[in-house]
Structure formats: C-alpha cells, structure tokens
C-alpha cells in the first residue's frame, strides 16, 4: 500500500476544523510568515514544538534533530539559523531539550549504536567534560536528566558562538538565545536560566559551564 489513508483523512478533518473555527486562517497563512521564535529541538515524536508552547502554524520556525544539537559543521542547522536571524528577523531562539531523550541515553551508555554514534559524539564530549558532576549524582535516571540539561546549555553556547549570532549582535539586532528543558511526564517546560542576548553574556556563561 503506497498511500497513507488514515493520515490523509486526518489532514482533511484538521483542515475542515480550522476553516470552520478560524475563517480566513489559511489565506492569511499563505501571505504571512513572520515568526518571532526559532525552536531548536529534538526529533523525538513526543515533543511537538508548536503544541508545547501553544503557538499556531506560522508563529514558530522549527529545526529538529536527534538530541537537539547545534554543531558548527552542520550546514542544515546553520542554514536554518541564518535564515531565521537574517531573513525572518526572529527575536528569540529557543534551544529545548527534553528529559528521557533517547539520543542522550545512547550517548551515556557507551555502547555501539552505528552511524548515530558519530552524531552523538558531541553529547559524549559533554558527558566527559562534566563526568565528575554527573558521577556524583545517585541513580542513572537522575544522571540522565542532568545530562539532558547540560546538553541543552551546551547548545545555547554553541548557538551564541556562531558567526550568525556574532554578526547580528554586532549590528545591534536584538536576538536572545534561551535554554529550556521539556518534561514528558507532565508536559511542562523548565527555563534553564541561561539566556543570552550579548557577547558579554555569552562569555559569562562559558566561564560557568
């Protein structure tokens, strides 16, 4: 079977529901794409970016990958970031990790998982840099939760260290990077309190982590 009838039926119902409850929504959406937010999150299907923060299509620009990483050789992520900052003029970049992240778990267990290990090498580096703090935490689940947080903070620093953000701040563009973590257990987001809007704030955070 080549088609996916259930998904197509769901799409039709969704479209009809939106047109009924919000007349003119789609015509407005066609001619407007001015989100204030860029979301950099995990590809995990349990973390639906728009729904978590209650935003409609068109209000949140989204990039997702395994373990919500920002790697300086990843042209996909950097292209999204550059488009968001330079073209869309977004004002906030949200790096959102989540507790129970499979990518973080795989990076912690030190077992071989194939090609994805090359990607998760960056998480393992974060683990190694923080191994004393992590090993002092009792319980594997608690250590995993803390590494999910540390990884999100690391990606905030990585965003801040891109030439894209440096150039934006240099020309006086107001762009703030935020670090969040999402809890699958209750659907709530926690602010990790590592927001950056200047080079000096970036440097201060780098001295802390």
Protein backbone atom coordinates (compact mmCIF):
# COMPACT_ATOMS: atom_id res chain seq x y z
CA UNK A 1 0.00 0.00 0.00
CA UNK A 2 1.59 3.24 -1.15
CA UNK A 3 -0.94 5.64 0.33
CA UNK A 4 -1.43 6.51 3.99
CA UNK A 5 -5.21 6.83 4.09
CA UNK A 6 -5.55 7.44 7.82
CA UNK A 7 -3.15 10.37 7.75
CA UNK A 8 -4.81 11.86 4.68
CA UNK A 9 -8.22 11.57 6.34
CA UNK A 10 -6.83 13.23 9.47
CA UNK A 11 -5.45 16.06 7.39
CA UNK A 12 -8.82 16.64 5.72
CA UNK A 13 -10.59 16.72 9.09
CA UNK A 14 -7.98 19.10 10.50
CA UNK A 15 -8.29 21.46 7.54
CA UNK A 16 -12.07 21.47 7.78
CA UNK A 17 -11.96 22.10 11.53
CA UNK A 18 -9.54 25.02 11.18
CA UNK A 19 -11.58 26.62 8.38
CA UNK A 20 -14.72 26.28 10.47
CA UNK A 21 -13.29 27.68 13.70
CA UNK A 22 -10.94 30.26 12.16
CA UNK A 23 -12.25 31.51 8.81
CA UNK A 24 -9.51 33.11 6.74
CA UNK A 25 -6.71 31.31 8.61
CA UNK A 26 -5.18 29.64 5.56
CA UNK A 27 -5.45 32.68 3.29
CA UNK A 28 -3.63 34.67 5.97
CA UNK A 29 -1.02 31.94 6.38
CA UNK A 30 -0.22 31.93 2.66
CA UNK A 31 0.74 35.60 2.66
CA UNK A 32 2.43 35.87 6.04
CA UNK A 33 5.47 34.21 7.58
CA UNK A 34 6.83 36.46 10.32
CA UNK A 35 7.57 34.26 13.35
CA UNK A 36 9.33 35.81 16.33
CA UNK A 37 10.72 32.50 17.52
CA UNK A 38 13.11 29.82 16.29
CA UNK A 39 12.81 26.46 18.05
CA UNK A 40 15.81 24.12 18.00
CA UNK A 41 14.61 20.87 19.46
CA UNK A 42 14.87 17.10 19.38
CA UNK A 43 13.36 14.99 16.60
CA UNK A 44 11.54 12.89 19.22
CA UNK A 45 7.91 12.49 18.13
CA UNK A 46 6.75 13.08 21.72
CA UNK A 47 7.95 16.70 21.63
CA UNK A 48 5.62 18.65 19.27
CA UNK A 49 7.11 22.15 19.31
CA UNK A 50 4.06 24.24 18.38
CA UNK A 51 1.70 22.42 20.71
CA UNK A 52 4.01 22.63 23.73
CA UNK A 53 4.03 26.42 23.66
CA UNK A 54 0.52 26.89 22.28
CA UNK A 55 1.51 28.56 19.00
CA UNK A 56 -0.21 28.23 15.64
CA UNK A 57 1.44 27.34 12.31
CA UNK A 58 3.37 30.38 11.14
CA UNK A 59 4.28 31.54 14.64
CA UNK A 60 7.24 29.23 15.30
CA UNK A 61 10.15 28.49 12.96
CA UNK A 62 11.41 24.98 13.78
CA UNK A 63 14.59 22.96 13.40
CA UNK A 64 14.83 19.49 14.91
CA UNK A 65 17.48 16.78 15.07
CA UNK A 66 18.48 13.90 17.32
CA UNK A 67 19.33 15.30 20.78
CA UNK A 68 18.78 18.94 19.72
CA UNK A 69 22.41 19.57 18.78
CA UNK A 70 23.92 22.72 17.29
CA UNK A 71 27.13 21.64 15.56
CA UNK A 72 29.28 24.16 13.74
CA UNK A 73 29.79 21.88 10.75
CA UNK A 74 26.07 21.14 10.33
CA UNK A 75 25.08 23.25 7.34
CA UNK A 76 21.43 22.27 7.74
CA UNK A 77 21.16 23.72 11.24
CA UNK A 78 23.32 26.74 10.41
CA UNK A 79 21.25 27.49 7.30
CA UNK A 80 18.06 27.42 9.36
CA UNK A 81 19.68 29.66 11.95
CA UNK A 82 20.95 32.13 9.36
CA UNK A 83 17.59 32.27 7.58
CA UNK A 84 15.78 32.80 10.87
CA UNK A 85 18.08 35.58 12.07
CA UNK A 86 18.97 37.38 8.84
CA UNK A 87 15.82 36.94 6.77
CA UNK A 88 12.94 36.37 9.19
CA UNK A 89 14.45 38.67 11.85
CA UNK A 90 13.33 36.39 14.67
CA UNK A 91 13.82 37.78 18.16
CA UNK A 92 14.16 34.61 20.23
CA UNK A 93 15.98 31.33 19.67
CA UNK A 94 14.80 28.54 21.97
CA UNK A 95 17.06 25.52 22.40
CA UNK A 96 14.80 22.93 24.03
CA UNK A 97 15.99 19.56 25.22
CA UNK A 98 13.78 17.03 26.94
CA UNK A 99 14.09 14.57 29.78
CA UNK A 100 14.22 10.94 28.72
CA UNK A 101 15.93 11.79 25.41
CA UNK A 102 16.95 8.59 23.63
CA UNK A 103 19.94 10.25 21.99
CA UNK A 104 21.29 11.40 25.34
CA UNK A 105 20.67 7.94 26.79
CA UNK A 106 22.58 6.29 23.93
CA UNK A 107 25.46 8.71 24.39
CA UNK A 108 25.64 7.88 28.10
CA UNK A 109 25.65 4.10 27.82
CA UNK A 110 28.90 4.00 25.80
CA UNK A 111 27.60 1.13 23.65
CA UNK A 112 27.85 0.98 19.86
CA UNK A 113 24.69 2.08 18.02
CA UNK A 114 26.01 2.50 14.49
CA UNK A 115 26.12 5.67 12.39
CA UNK A 116 24.32 7.77 15.00
CA UNK A 117 27.34 7.41 17.31
CA UNK A 118 29.20 9.90 15.11
CA UNK A 119 26.46 12.46 15.72
CA UNK A 120 26.21 11.69 19.44
CA UNK A 121 29.97 12.06 19.87
CA UNK A 122 29.22 15.68 20.77
CA UNK A 123 26.98 14.60 23.65
CA UNK A 124 29.63 12.18 24.85
CA UNK A 125 32.12 15.06 24.88
CA UNK A 126 29.72 17.00 27.11
CA UNK A 127 29.44 13.94 29.36
CA UNK A 128 33.22 13.68 29.65
CA UNK A 129 33.61 17.37 30.49
CA UNK A 130 31.05 17.01 33.28
CA UNK A 131 31.77 13.45 34.40
CA UNK A 132 32.65 14.40 37.99
CA UNK A 133 29.38 16.27 38.48
CA UNK A 134 27.37 13.52 36.79
CA UNK A 135 29.03 10.61 38.56
CA UNK A 136 28.32 12.27 41.90
CA UNK A 137 24.57 12.04 41.18
CA UNK A 138 22.93 8.93 42.60
CA UNK A 139 20.80 6.96 40.17
CA UNK A 140 21.05 6.53 36.41
CA UNK A 141 17.75 8.31 35.74
CA UNK A 142 18.83 11.39 37.69
CA UNK A 143 22.17 11.44 35.85
CA UNK A 144 20.37 11.18 32.51
CA UNK A 145 18.08 14.07 33.43
CA UNK A 146 21.06 16.22 34.38
CA UNK A 147 22.92 15.39 31.16
CA UNK A 148 19.81 16.39 29.18
CA UNK A 149 20.00 19.78 30.90
CA UNK A 150 23.77 20.13 30.41
CA UNK A 151 23.41 19.26 26.73
CA UNK A 152 20.77 21.96 26.23
CA UNK A 153 23.02 24.52 27.92
CA UNK A 154 25.93 23.43 25.72
CA UNK A 155 23.83 24.03 22.61
CA UNK A 156 22.88 27.51 23.82
CA UNK A 157 26.61 28.27 23.98
CA UNK A 158 27.10 26.78 20.52
CA UNK A 159 24.36 28.99 19.06
CA UNK A 160 25.92 32.02 20.72
CA UNK A 161 29.31 31.16 19.25
CA UNK A 162 28.14 31.10 15.64
CA UNK A 163 29.20 33.90 13.32
CA UNK A 164 25.48 34.35 12.64
CA UNK A 165 24.79 35.49 16.21
CA UNK A 166 28.05 37.43 16.49
CA UNK A 167 27.21 39.40 13.35
CA UNK A 168 23.63 40.02 14.49
CA UNK A 169 24.71 41.32 17.89
CA UNK A 170 27.46 43.41 16.28
CA UNK A 171 24.94 45.23 14.08
CA UNK A 172 22.64 45.81 17.05
CA UNK A 173 19.97 43.27 16.15
CA UNK A 174 18.02 42.11 19.20
CA UNK A 175 18.24 38.32 19.34
CA UNK A 176 18.11 36.33 22.56
CA UNK A 177 19.03 32.65 22.93
CA UNK A 178 17.20 30.64 25.60
CA UNK A 179 17.85 27.21 27.09
CA UNK A 180 14.81 25.13 28.04
CA UNK A 181 14.06 21.55 29.01
CA UNK A 182 10.75 19.75 28.47
CA UNK A 183 9.39 17.07 30.79
CA UNK A 184 7.48 14.28 29.06
CA UNK A 185 5.99 13.25 32.40
CA UNK A 186 3.88 16.39 32.89
CA UNK A 187 4.15 18.38 29.65
CA UNK A 188 5.84 21.33 31.35
CA UNK A 189 8.83 23.35 30.18
CA UNK A 190 11.55 24.43 32.59
CA UNK A 191 13.63 27.53 31.89
CA UNK A 192 17.29 26.65 32.49
CA UNK A 193 18.05 30.35 33.04
CA UNK A 194 20.88 30.58 30.52
CA UNK A 195 19.50 33.28 28.21
CA UNK A 196 21.99 35.21 26.06
CA UNK A 197 21.47 38.47 24.21
CA UNK A 198 25.04 39.84 24.07
CA UNK A 199 28.63 38.65 23.61
CA UNK A 200 29.40 39.52 27.23
CA UNK A 201 26.55 37.29 28.46
CA UNK A 202 27.87 34.50 26.26
CA UNK A 203 31.36 34.86 27.71
CA UNK A 204 29.97 34.84 31.26
CA UNK A 205 28.05 31.63 30.57
CA UNK A 206 31.10 29.99 29.04
CA UNK A 207 33.02 30.65 32.25
CA UNK A 208 30.26 28.88 34.21
CA UNK A 209 29.95 25.72 32.11
